[in-house]
């Protein structure tokens, strides 16, 4: 099972990426592995802003999404919406880029008033890209992902609990989907030519 992590913050380090990495750690604790981080801030900005679908970096990022079973995407919230960097990236993806995939959205923002940005701004776009199932997202304020005195960011206990719940749910859903796929394949029958069909009366 392949899980791709997408960091949608234009700056690094960032609170949203710290939340993403904390989620990855909990997924690892549940026995799941994650692919190397897809950091959108490292993609060619000219290719993104110019919607250059055939640019090498865009094609590589699109291929990584296509190969993943699940996507965990993190973004800061600006002006009650997800980051412009994530917006231009989603715009260059094929219309069915998330078809059949499980998606967990994460977001950070300076105020609890923007917590609905996940549901009203990001979720509809993920659905339009064909996501099979979008898990309940996690929104954290600055207090939920505090800057540590020694540098970097920590995760507050209440956010850590929500991250654990989300990781458990994602792991459970992925394993259930894999089991259903295995059962479906086991139940498949080989095609039989009409000439080989025998009837008895």
N, C-alpha and C. Protein backbone atom coordinates (compact mmCIF):
# COMPACT_ATOMS: atom_id res chain seq x y z
N UNK A 1 0.85 -1.19 0.00
CA UNK A 1 0.00 0.00 0.00
C UNK A 1 0.88 1.24 0.00
N UNK A 2 0.61 2.13 -0.91
CA UNK A 2 1.43 3.32 -1.09
C UNK A 2 0.69 4.56 -0.61
N UNK A 3 1.33 5.32 0.28
CA UNK A 3 0.73 6.55 0.81
C UNK A 3 1.65 7.72 0.45
N UNK A 4 1.11 8.68 -0.30
CA UNK A 4 1.89 9.84 -0.71
C UNK A 4 1.54 11.04 0.16
N UNK A 5 2.56 11.72 0.67
CA UNK A 5 2.40 12.92 1.49
C UNK A 5 2.67 14.14 0.63
N UNK A 6 1.74 15.09 0.62
CA UNK A 6 1.88 16.31 -0.19
C UNK A 6 1.90 17.52 0.74
N UNK A 7 3.00 18.27 0.70
CA UNK A 7 3.14 19.48 1.50
C UNK A 7 2.82 20.69 0.64
N UNK A 8 1.72 21.38 0.98
CA UNK A 8 1.25 22.49 0.17
C UNK A 8 1.64 23.86 0.68
N UNK A 9 2.59 23.93 1.61
CA UNK A 9 3.01 25.23 2.13
C UNK A 9 4.10 25.84 1.25
N UNK A 10 4.02 27.14 0.99
CA UNK A 10 5.08 27.78 0.20
C UNK A 10 6.36 28.01 0.97
N UNK A 11 6.33 27.82 2.29
CA UNK A 11 7.53 28.03 3.12
C UNK A 11 7.89 26.74 3.86
N UNK A 12 9.17 26.57 4.09
CA UNK A 12 9.66 25.44 4.87
C UNK A 12 10.77 25.92 5.81
N UNK A 13 10.75 25.48 7.07
CA UNK A 13 9.73 24.60 7.68
C UNK A 13 8.41 25.35 7.87
N UNK A 14 7.35 24.58 8.11
CA UNK A 14 6.04 25.20 8.29
C UNK A 14 5.21 24.35 9.24
N UNK A 15 4.18 24.96 9.80
CA UNK A 15 3.30 24.23 10.71
C UNK A 15 2.55 23.11 9.99
N UNK A 16 2.08 23.39 8.79
CA UNK A 16 1.31 22.37 8.08
C UNK A 16 2.18 21.16 7.73
N UNK A 17 3.45 21.40 7.37
CA UNK A 17 4.34 20.29 7.07
C UNK A 17 4.69 19.52 8.34
N UNK A 18 4.81 20.23 9.47
CA UNK A 18 5.04 19.54 10.75
C UNK A 18 3.86 18.64 11.10
N UNK A 19 2.63 19.10 10.83
CA UNK A 19 1.44 18.29 11.06
C UNK A 19 1.44 17.08 10.13
N UNK A 20 1.87 17.29 8.90
CA UNK A 20 1.96 16.20 7.92
C UNK A 20 2.97 15.14 8.38
N UNK A 21 4.12 15.59 8.86
CA UNK A 21 5.15 14.66 9.31
C UNK A 21 4.71 13.90 10.56
N UNK A 22 3.98 14.57 11.45
CA UNK A 22 3.46 13.89 12.64
C UNK A 22 2.47 12.80 12.24
N UNK A 23 1.67 13.07 11.21
CA UNK A 23 0.73 12.07 10.71
C UNK A 23 1.48 10.89 10.11
N UNK A 24 2.55 11.16 9.39
CA UNK A 24 3.36 10.09 8.81
C UNK A 24 3.94 9.20 9.89
N UNK A 25 4.38 9.79 10.98
CA UNK A 25 4.92 9.00 12.10
C UNK A 25 3.88 8.07 12.67
N UNK A 26 2.65 8.54 12.80
CA UNK A 26 1.58 7.68 13.34
C UNK A 26 1.21 6.60 12.35
N UNK A 27 1.27 6.90 11.06
CA UNK A 27 1.01 5.87 10.06
C UNK A 27 2.07 4.78 10.13
N UNK A 28 3.32 5.19 10.33
CA UNK A 28 4.40 4.21 10.47
C UNK A 28 4.16 3.34 11.69
N UNK A 29 3.65 3.94 12.77
CA UNK A 29 3.37 3.17 13.99
C UNK A 29 2.27 2.15 13.75
N UNK A 30 1.42 2.39 12.76
CA UNK A 30 0.36 1.43 12.41
C UNK A 30 0.83 0.43 11.35
N UNK A 31 2.12 0.42 11.10
CA UNK A 31 2.67 -0.56 10.18
C UNK A 31 2.60 -0.20 8.72
N UNK A 32 2.32 1.07 8.41
CA UNK A 32 2.24 1.52 7.03
C UNK A 32 3.48 2.33 6.66
N UNK A 33 3.87 2.27 5.42
CA UNK A 33 5.00 3.05 4.95
C UNK A 33 4.48 4.20 4.09
N UNK A 34 5.26 5.26 4.02
CA UNK A 34 4.89 6.42 3.22
C UNK A 34 5.98 6.70 2.19
N UNK A 35 5.54 7.26 1.07
CA UNK A 35 6.49 7.63 0.02
C UNK A 35 7.21 8.92 0.44
N UNK A 36 8.38 9.19 -0.17
CA UNK A 36 9.06 10.46 0.12
C UNK A 36 8.14 11.65 -0.10
N UNK A 37 8.32 12.66 0.72
CA UNK A 37 7.47 13.85 0.70
C UNK A 37 7.47 14.54 -0.67
N UNK A 38 6.27 14.85 -1.17
CA UNK A 38 6.14 15.67 -2.37
C UNK A 38 5.95 17.11 -1.90
N UNK A 39 7.01 17.89 -1.97
CA UNK A 39 7.02 19.26 -1.46
C UNK A 39 6.77 20.21 -2.63
N UNK A 40 5.58 20.77 -2.68
CA UNK A 40 5.18 21.56 -3.84
C UNK A 40 6.04 22.81 -4.00
N UNK A 41 6.60 23.33 -2.92
CA UNK A 41 7.42 24.54 -3.01
C UNK A 41 8.71 24.29 -3.79
N UNK A 42 9.05 23.02 -4.02
CA UNK A 42 10.27 22.70 -4.78
C UNK A 42 9.99 22.47 -6.26
N UNK A 43 8.73 22.48 -6.65
CA UNK A 43 8.40 22.33 -8.06
C UNK A 43 8.67 23.63 -8.80
N UNK A 44 8.86 23.52 -10.10
CA UNK A 44 9.15 24.69 -10.93
C UNK A 44 7.95 25.65 -10.92
N UNK A 45 8.12 26.85 -10.36
CA UNK A 45 6.99 27.78 -10.29
C UNK A 45 6.49 28.22 -11.66
N UNK A 46 7.38 28.30 -12.64
CA UNK A 46 6.97 28.69 -13.99
C UNK A 46 6.04 27.63 -14.58
N UNK A 47 6.39 26.36 -14.34
CA UNK A 47 5.55 25.26 -14.85
C UNK A 47 4.20 25.26 -14.17
N UNK A 48 4.17 25.53 -12.87
CA UNK A 48 2.90 25.55 -12.13
C UNK A 48 2.02 26.72 -12.57
N UNK A 49 2.58 27.92 -12.54
CA UNK A 49 1.79 29.11 -12.87
C UNK A 49 1.41 29.15 -14.35
N UNK A 50 2.23 28.54 -15.18
CA UNK A 50 1.94 28.52 -16.61
C UNK A 50 1.15 27.31 -17.03
N UNK A 51 0.73 26.49 -16.05
CA UNK A 51 -0.04 25.28 -16.34
C UNK A 51 0.62 24.44 -17.43
N UNK A 52 1.93 24.23 -17.26
CA UNK A 52 2.70 23.44 -18.23
C UNK A 52 2.57 21.96 -17.87
N UNK A 53 1.50 21.35 -18.31
CA UNK A 53 1.18 19.97 -17.96
C UNK A 53 2.28 18.99 -18.36
N UNK A 54 3.01 19.31 -19.44
CA UNK A 54 4.02 18.40 -19.96
C UNK A 54 5.40 18.63 -19.37
N UNK A 55 5.53 19.60 -18.46
CA UNK A 55 6.84 19.83 -17.83
C UNK A 55 7.25 18.59 -17.05
N UNK A 56 8.55 18.29 -17.05
CA UNK A 56 9.05 17.04 -16.44
C UNK A 56 8.64 16.92 -14.97
N UNK A 57 8.77 18.00 -14.19
CA UNK A 57 8.44 17.94 -12.76
C UNK A 57 6.95 17.70 -12.55
N UNK A 58 6.13 18.29 -13.39
CA UNK A 58 4.68 18.12 -13.25
C UNK A 58 4.29 16.69 -13.61
N UNK A 59 4.88 16.16 -14.68
CA UNK A 59 4.58 14.77 -15.07
C UNK A 59 5.04 13.79 -14.00
N UNK A 60 6.19 14.06 -13.39
CA UNK A 60 6.68 13.16 -12.33
C UNK A 60 5.77 13.20 -11.12
N UNK A 61 5.34 14.40 -10.71
CA UNK A 61 4.43 14.54 -9.56
C UNK A 61 3.10 13.87 -9.84
N UNK A 62 2.59 14.03 -11.06
CA UNK A 62 1.33 13.40 -11.45
C UNK A 62 1.45 11.87 -11.41
N UNK A 63 2.58 11.37 -11.86
CA UNK A 63 2.81 9.92 -11.85
C UNK A 63 2.87 9.38 -10.42
N UNK A 64 3.47 10.15 -9.52
CA UNK A 64 3.55 9.72 -8.12
C UNK A 64 2.16 9.63 -7.50
N UNK A 65 1.29 10.57 -7.85
CA UNK A 65 -0.09 10.52 -7.35
C UNK A 65 -0.81 9.32 -7.93
N UNK A 66 -0.61 9.05 -9.21
CA UNK A 66 -1.28 7.93 -9.87
C UNK A 66 -0.90 6.60 -9.23
N UNK A 67 0.32 6.47 -8.75
CA UNK A 67 0.80 5.22 -8.17
C UNK A 67 0.37 5.02 -6.72
N UNK A 68 -0.10 6.07 -6.07
CA UNK A 68 -0.43 6.00 -4.65
C UNK A 68 -1.83 5.43 -4.43
N UNK A 69 -1.99 4.69 -3.32
CA UNK A 69 -3.30 4.21 -2.91
C UNK A 69 -4.03 5.25 -2.07
N UNK A 70 -3.25 6.05 -1.33
CA UNK A 70 -3.83 7.07 -0.46
C UNK A 70 -2.96 8.32 -0.51
N UNK A 71 -3.61 9.46 -0.28
CA UNK A 71 -2.94 10.76 -0.31
C UNK A 71 -3.20 11.47 1.02
N UNK A 72 -2.14 12.00 1.63
CA UNK A 72 -2.29 12.89 2.78
C UNK A 72 -1.78 14.25 2.34
N UNK A 73 -2.65 15.23 2.31
CA UNK A 73 -2.27 16.55 1.81
C UNK A 73 -2.42 17.59 2.91
N UNK A 74 -1.39 18.42 3.07
CA UNK A 74 -1.40 19.43 4.13
C UNK A 74 -1.21 20.81 3.53
N UNK A 75 -1.92 21.78 4.08
CA UNK A 75 -1.85 23.15 3.58
C UNK A 75 -2.06 24.16 4.70
N UNK A 76 -1.41 25.31 4.62
CA UNK A 76 -1.81 26.41 5.49
C UNK A 76 -3.09 27.03 4.93
N UNK A 77 -3.81 27.71 5.79
CA UNK A 77 -5.03 28.39 5.35
C UNK A 77 -4.76 29.89 5.32
N UNK A 78 -4.96 30.48 4.15
CA UNK A 78 -4.84 31.93 3.98
C UNK A 78 -6.18 32.47 3.48
N UNK A 79 -6.66 33.54 4.10
CA UNK A 79 -7.90 34.17 3.63
C UNK A 79 -9.03 33.14 3.49
N UNK A 80 -9.14 32.26 4.48
CA UNK A 80 -10.22 31.26 4.53
C UNK A 80 -10.17 30.24 3.41
N UNK A 81 -9.00 30.04 2.81
CA UNK A 81 -8.87 29.05 1.74
C UNK A 81 -7.49 28.41 1.81
N UNK A 82 -7.35 27.28 1.12
CA UNK A 82 -6.06 26.60 1.10
C UNK A 82 -5.05 27.43 0.30
N UNK A 83 -3.78 27.06 0.39
CA UNK A 83 -2.71 27.87 -0.19
C UNK A 83 -2.82 27.99 -1.71
N UNK A 84 -2.37 29.11 -2.24
CA UNK A 84 -2.34 29.30 -3.68
C UNK A 84 -1.42 28.30 -4.36
N UNK A 85 -0.36 27.90 -3.67
CA UNK A 85 0.56 26.90 -4.22
C UNK A 85 -0.16 25.57 -4.45
N UNK A 86 -0.94 25.15 -3.48
CA UNK A 86 -1.71 23.92 -3.64
C UNK A 86 -2.76 24.09 -4.74
N UNK A 87 -3.35 25.27 -4.82
CA UNK A 87 -4.37 25.54 -5.83
C UNK A 87 -3.81 25.35 -7.24
N UNK A 88 -2.65 25.97 -7.53
CA UNK A 88 -2.12 25.87 -8.89
C UNK A 88 -1.67 24.44 -9.19
N UNK A 89 -1.24 23.71 -8.16
CA UNK A 89 -0.85 22.32 -8.39
C UNK A 89 -2.06 21.47 -8.72
N UNK A 90 -3.13 21.61 -7.95
CA UNK A 90 -4.34 20.84 -8.23
C UNK A 90 -4.90 21.19 -9.61
N UNK A 91 -4.70 22.42 -10.03
CA UNK A 91 -5.22 22.85 -11.33
C UNK A 91 -4.53 22.15 -12.50
N UNK A 92 -3.28 21.73 -12.32
CA UNK A 92 -2.57 21.10 -13.44
C UNK A 92 -2.73 19.58 -13.44
N UNK A 93 -3.42 19.03 -12.45
CA UNK A 93 -3.63 17.59 -12.41
C UNK A 93 -4.74 17.18 -13.36
N UNK A 94 -4.70 15.95 -13.87
CA UNK A 94 -5.82 15.45 -14.68
C UNK A 94 -7.11 15.43 -13.86
N UNK A 95 -8.24 15.49 -14.54
CA UNK A 95 -9.52 15.57 -13.86
C UNK A 95 -9.80 14.35 -12.99
N UNK A 96 -9.21 13.21 -13.31
CA UNK A 96 -9.43 11.98 -12.54
C UNK A 96 -8.18 11.58 -11.75
N UNK A 97 -7.35 12.55 -11.38
CA UNK A 97 -6.07 12.26 -10.73
C UNK A 97 -6.24 11.50 -9.41
N UNK A 98 -7.33 11.73 -8.70
CA UNK A 98 -7.54 11.09 -7.40
C UNK A 98 -8.57 9.96 -7.45
N UNK A 99 -8.91 9.52 -8.66
CA UNK A 99 -9.93 8.48 -8.81
C UNK A 99 -9.55 7.22 -8.04
N UNK A 100 -10.49 6.77 -7.18
CA UNK A 100 -10.29 5.55 -6.42
C UNK A 100 -9.37 5.68 -5.23
N UNK A 101 -8.93 6.88 -4.91
CA UNK A 101 -7.96 7.05 -3.83
C UNK A 101 -8.61 7.53 -2.53
N UNK A 102 -7.98 7.15 -1.44
CA UNK A 102 -8.36 7.61 -0.11
C UNK A 102 -7.55 8.86 0.19
N UNK A 103 -8.21 9.91 0.67
CA UNK A 103 -7.51 11.19 0.90
C UNK A 103 -7.76 11.69 2.32
N UNK A 104 -6.68 12.10 2.97
CA UNK A 104 -6.77 12.71 4.30
C UNK A 104 -6.25 14.14 4.19
N UNK A 105 -7.11 15.16 4.35
CA UNK A 105 -6.66 16.55 4.29
C UNK A 105 -6.28 17.09 5.67
N UNK A 106 -5.22 17.88 5.70
CA UNK A 106 -4.75 18.52 6.93
C UNK A 106 -4.56 20.01 6.66
N UNK A 107 -4.80 20.83 7.68
CA UNK A 107 -4.62 22.27 7.49
C UNK A 107 -4.24 22.94 8.80
N UNK A 108 -3.51 24.04 8.69
CA UNK A 108 -3.17 24.86 9.85
C UNK A 108 -3.53 26.30 9.54
N UNK A 109 -3.87 27.05 10.57
CA UNK A 109 -4.22 28.45 10.39
C UNK A 109 -4.10 29.21 11.68
N UNK A 110 -4.09 30.52 11.58
CA UNK A 110 -3.90 31.35 12.76
C UNK A 110 -5.13 31.52 13.62
N UNK A 111 -6.30 31.15 13.10
CA UNK A 111 -7.54 31.37 13.84
C UNK A 111 -8.46 30.16 13.70
N UNK A 112 -9.19 29.82 14.77
CA UNK A 112 -10.16 28.73 14.67
C UNK A 112 -11.32 29.05 13.74
N UNK A 113 -11.47 30.33 13.37
CA UNK A 113 -12.57 30.73 12.49
C UNK A 113 -12.41 30.17 11.09
N UNK A 114 -11.21 29.71 10.74
CA UNK A 114 -10.97 29.22 9.39
C UNK A 114 -11.02 27.70 9.31
N UNK A 115 -11.47 27.05 10.36
CA UNK A 115 -11.43 25.59 10.38
C UNK A 115 -12.35 24.97 9.31
N UNK A 116 -13.36 25.69 8.87
CA UNK A 116 -14.26 25.14 7.86
C UNK A 116 -13.70 25.23 6.45
N UNK A 117 -12.51 25.80 6.32
CA UNK A 117 -11.89 25.90 5.00
C UNK A 117 -11.66 24.52 4.40
N UNK A 118 -11.40 23.53 5.23
CA UNK A 118 -11.21 22.17 4.73
C UNK A 118 -12.48 21.66 4.04
N UNK A 119 -13.61 21.88 4.67
CA UNK A 119 -14.87 21.36 4.14
C UNK A 119 -15.43 22.19 2.99
N UNK A 120 -15.28 23.51 3.08
CA UNK A 120 -15.93 24.37 2.09
C UNK A 120 -15.02 24.80 0.94
N UNK A 121 -13.70 24.69 1.12
CA UNK A 121 -12.78 25.09 0.06
C UNK A 121 -12.05 23.90 -0.55
N UNK A 122 -11.41 23.08 0.29
CA UNK A 122 -10.56 22.01 -0.24
C UNK A 122 -11.33 20.74 -0.61
N UNK A 123 -12.25 20.32 0.24
CA UNK A 123 -12.96 19.06 0.00
C UNK A 123 -13.67 19.02 -1.36
N UNK A 124 -14.37 20.08 -1.77
CA UNK A 124 -15.03 20.01 -3.09
C UNK A 124 -14.05 19.80 -4.25
N UNK A 125 -12.87 20.38 -4.14
CA UNK A 125 -11.88 20.21 -5.21
C UNK A 125 -11.36 18.78 -5.23
N UNK A 126 -11.11 18.22 -4.05
CA UNK A 126 -10.65 16.82 -3.98
C UNK A 126 -11.72 15.89 -4.54
N UNK A 127 -12.98 16.18 -4.25
CA UNK A 127 -14.07 15.36 -4.79
C UNK A 127 -14.14 15.47 -6.30
N UNK A 128 -13.93 16.68 -6.82
CA UNK A 128 -14.01 16.88 -8.27
C UNK A 128 -12.89 16.14 -9.00
N UNK A 129 -11.81 15.81 -8.29
CA UNK A 129 -10.70 15.07 -8.88
C UNK A 129 -10.89 13.56 -8.74
N UNK A 130 -12.06 13.15 -8.21
CA UNK A 130 -12.41 11.74 -8.20
C UNK A 130 -12.04 10.95 -6.98
N UNK A 131 -11.70 11.61 -5.88
CA UNK A 131 -11.31 10.87 -4.67
C UNK A 131 -12.39 9.88 -4.27
N UNK A 132 -11.98 8.64 -3.96
CA UNK A 132 -12.94 7.60 -3.57
C UNK A 132 -13.58 7.93 -2.23
N UNK A 133 -12.77 8.34 -1.28
CA UNK A 133 -13.28 8.66 0.05
C UNK A 133 -12.36 9.70 0.68
N UNK A 134 -12.94 10.77 1.20
CA UNK A 134 -12.17 11.82 1.87
C UNK A 134 -12.44 11.71 3.36
N UNK A 135 -11.42 11.39 4.12
CA UNK A 135 -11.56 11.23 5.56
C UNK A 135 -11.80 12.58 6.24
N UNK A 136 -12.39 12.57 7.44
CA UNK A 136 -12.53 13.83 8.18
C UNK A 136 -11.17 14.49 8.35
N UNK A 137 -11.08 15.76 7.98
CA UNK A 137 -9.79 16.44 8.04
C UNK A 137 -9.41 16.90 9.44
N UNK A 138 -8.16 17.34 9.55
CA UNK A 138 -7.66 17.87 10.81
C UNK A 138 -7.24 19.32 10.58
N UNK A 139 -7.78 20.23 11.37
CA UNK A 139 -7.40 21.63 11.32
C UNK A 139 -6.77 22.00 12.66
N UNK A 140 -5.62 22.63 12.63
CA UNK A 140 -4.92 23.02 13.85
C UNK A 140 -4.53 24.50 13.78
N UNK A 141 -4.74 25.20 14.88
CA UNK A 141 -4.31 26.60 14.97
C UNK A 141 -2.83 26.64 15.38
N UNK A 142 -2.30 27.86 15.51
CA UNK A 142 -0.90 28.01 15.92
C UNK A 142 -0.64 27.37 17.28
N UNK A 143 -1.66 27.40 18.15
CA UNK A 143 -1.51 26.79 19.47
C UNK A 143 -1.45 25.27 19.38
N UNK A 144 -2.06 24.72 18.35
CA UNK A 144 -2.05 23.28 18.17
C UNK A 144 -0.74 22.75 17.61
N UNK A 145 -0.02 23.63 16.91
CA UNK A 145 1.31 23.26 16.36
C UNK A 145 2.27 24.38 16.77
N UNK A 146 2.66 24.41 18.05
CA UNK A 146 3.45 25.54 18.57
C UNK A 146 4.90 25.51 18.12
N UNK A 147 5.48 26.69 18.00
CA UNK A 147 6.91 26.82 17.74
C UNK A 147 7.67 26.49 19.01
N UNK A 148 8.63 25.58 18.91
CA UNK A 148 9.39 25.14 20.07
C UNK A 148 10.57 26.06 20.33
N UNK A 149 10.96 26.24 21.61
CA UNK A 149 12.09 27.12 21.93
C UNK A 149 13.38 26.70 21.22
N UNK A 150 13.57 25.40 21.07
CA UNK A 150 14.79 24.91 20.42
C UNK A 150 14.70 24.92 18.90
N UNK A 151 13.57 25.38 18.38
CA UNK A 151 13.37 25.41 16.94
C UNK A 151 12.46 24.29 16.48
N UNK A 152 11.85 24.44 15.33
CA UNK A 152 10.92 23.44 14.84
C UNK A 152 9.56 23.61 15.51
N UNK A 153 8.66 22.68 15.22
CA UNK A 153 7.30 22.75 15.73
C UNK A 153 6.93 21.48 16.49
N UNK A 154 6.12 21.67 17.52
CA UNK A 154 5.59 20.54 18.28
C UNK A 154 4.12 20.34 17.94
N UNK A 155 3.56 19.29 18.50
CA UNK A 155 2.14 18.97 18.30
C UNK A 155 1.46 18.93 19.66
N UNK A 156 0.44 19.76 19.86
CA UNK A 156 -0.28 19.79 21.13
C UNK A 156 -1.00 18.46 21.36
N UNK A 157 -1.20 18.08 22.63
CA UNK A 157 -1.82 16.78 22.93
C UNK A 157 -3.17 16.55 22.25
N UNK A 158 -4.02 17.57 22.19
CA UNK A 158 -5.34 17.35 21.57
C UNK A 158 -5.22 17.11 20.06
N UNK A 159 -4.27 17.80 19.42
CA UNK A 159 -4.05 17.57 17.99
C UNK A 159 -3.39 16.21 17.77
N UNK A 160 -2.47 15.84 18.65
CA UNK A 160 -1.82 14.53 18.54
C UNK A 160 -2.85 13.41 18.63
N UNK A 161 -3.86 13.58 19.48
CA UNK A 161 -4.91 12.58 19.60
C UNK A 161 -5.72 12.47 18.32
N UNK A 162 -6.02 13.61 17.71
CA UNK A 162 -6.76 13.60 16.45
C UNK A 162 -5.93 13.00 15.32
N UNK A 163 -4.63 13.26 15.33
CA UNK A 163 -3.75 12.67 14.33
C UNK A 163 -3.74 11.16 14.48
N UNK A 164 -3.68 10.67 15.70
CA UNK A 164 -3.70 9.22 15.93
C UNK A 164 -5.01 8.61 15.43
N UNK A 165 -6.13 9.26 15.71
CA UNK A 165 -7.42 8.75 15.25
C UNK A 165 -7.47 8.71 13.73
N UNK A 166 -6.96 9.76 13.08
CA UNK A 166 -6.98 9.83 11.63
C UNK A 166 -6.08 8.75 11.02
N UNK A 167 -4.91 8.55 11.61
CA UNK A 167 -3.98 7.53 11.11
C UNK A 167 -4.59 6.14 11.25
N UNK A 168 -5.25 5.90 12.37
CA UNK A 168 -5.89 4.61 12.60
C UNK A 168 -7.01 4.38 11.56
N UNK A 169 -7.80 5.42 11.31
CA UNK A 169 -8.90 5.30 10.35
C UNK A 169 -8.37 5.06 8.94
N UNK A 170 -7.32 5.80 8.57
CA UNK A 170 -6.74 5.63 7.24
C UNK A 170 -6.18 4.23 7.08
N UNK A 171 -5.46 3.75 8.10
CA UNK A 171 -4.89 2.41 8.03
C UNK A 171 -5.98 1.35 7.92
N UNK A 172 -7.05 1.51 8.70
CA UNK A 172 -8.15 0.55 8.67
C UNK A 172 -8.83 0.53 7.31
N UNK A 173 -9.10 1.72 6.75
CA UNK A 173 -9.77 1.80 5.45
C UNK A 173 -8.90 1.23 4.33
N UNK A 174 -7.60 1.49 4.39
CA UNK A 174 -6.70 0.96 3.37
C UNK A 174 -6.66 -0.56 3.40
N UNK A 175 -6.57 -1.12 4.59
CA UNK A 175 -6.51 -2.58 4.72
C UNK A 175 -7.84 -3.21 4.30
N UNK A 176 -8.95 -2.56 4.61
CA UNK A 176 -10.25 -3.09 4.21
C UNK A 176 -10.37 -3.08 2.68
N UNK A 177 -9.91 -1.99 2.06
CA UNK A 177 -9.97 -1.90 0.60
C UNK A 177 -9.08 -2.96 -0.04
N UNK A 178 -7.92 -3.21 0.53
CA UNK A 178 -7.02 -4.23 -0.01
C UNK A 178 -7.62 -5.62 0.13
N UNK A 179 -8.29 -5.89 1.27
CA UNK A 179 -8.95 -7.18 1.47
C UNK A 179 -10.08 -7.38 0.48
N UNK A 180 -10.89 -6.35 0.27
CA UNK A 180 -12.00 -6.45 -0.67
C UNK A 180 -11.48 -6.69 -2.08
N UNK A 181 -10.38 -6.04 -2.43
CA UNK A 181 -9.79 -6.24 -3.76
C UNK A 181 -9.30 -7.67 -3.92
N UNK A 182 -8.69 -8.23 -2.87
CA UNK A 182 -8.20 -9.60 -2.92
C UNK A 182 -9.35 -10.59 -3.06
N UNK A 183 -10.43 -10.36 -2.32
CA UNK A 183 -11.59 -11.25 -2.40
C UNK A 183 -12.23 -11.18 -3.78
N UNK A 184 -12.29 -9.98 -4.33
CA UNK A 184 -12.88 -9.82 -5.66
C UNK A 184 -12.07 -10.58 -6.71
N UNK A 185 -10.76 -10.47 -6.61
CA UNK A 185 -9.91 -11.16 -7.58
C UNK A 185 -10.02 -12.67 -7.42
N UNK A 186 -10.14 -13.13 -6.18
CA UNK A 186 -10.24 -14.57 -5.93
C UNK A 186 -11.55 -15.13 -6.48
N UNK A 187 -12.58 -14.28 -6.56
CA UNK A 187 -13.89 -14.73 -7.01
C UNK A 187 -14.06 -14.64 -8.52
N UNK A 188 -13.09 -14.07 -9.20
CA UNK A 188 -13.21 -13.92 -10.64
C UNK A 188 -13.11 -15.28 -11.34
N UNK A 189 -13.87 -15.44 -12.42
CA UNK A 189 -13.84 -16.66 -13.21
C UNK A 189 -13.16 -16.38 -14.55
N UNK A 190 -12.51 -17.40 -15.04
CA UNK A 190 -11.89 -17.26 -16.35
C UNK A 190 -12.97 -17.24 -17.44
N UNK A 191 -12.70 -16.51 -18.51
CA UNK A 191 -13.62 -16.48 -19.65
C UNK A 191 -13.63 -17.86 -20.33
N UNK A 192 -14.80 -18.29 -20.73
CA UNK A 192 -14.96 -19.58 -21.41
C UNK A 192 -15.55 -19.34 -22.79
N UNK A 193 -14.92 -19.93 -23.80
CA UNK A 193 -15.42 -19.79 -25.17
C UNK A 193 -16.76 -20.47 -25.28
N UNK A 194 -17.66 -19.91 -26.09
CA UNK A 194 -19.00 -20.47 -26.23
C UNK A 194 -18.96 -21.92 -26.72
N UNK A 195 -17.98 -22.23 -27.56
CA UNK A 195 -17.87 -23.59 -28.09
C UNK A 195 -17.56 -24.62 -27.01
N UNK A 196 -17.02 -24.14 -25.88
CA UNK A 196 -16.66 -25.05 -24.80
C UNK A 196 -17.78 -25.25 -23.78
N UNK A 197 -18.89 -24.52 -23.96
CA UNK A 197 -20.00 -24.62 -23.02
C UNK A 197 -20.75 -25.92 -23.29
N UNK A 198 -21.01 -26.68 -22.20
CA UNK A 198 -21.75 -27.94 -22.33
C UNK A 198 -23.02 -27.83 -21.50
N UNK A 199 -24.12 -28.24 -22.08
CA UNK A 199 -25.42 -28.18 -21.40
C UNK A 199 -25.96 -29.61 -21.23
N UNK A 200 -26.64 -29.82 -20.14
CA UNK A 200 -27.29 -31.11 -19.92
C UNK A 200 -28.77 -30.89 -19.66
N UNK A 201 -29.61 -31.80 -20.14
CA UNK A 201 -31.05 -31.67 -19.94
C UNK A 201 -31.61 -32.94 -19.31
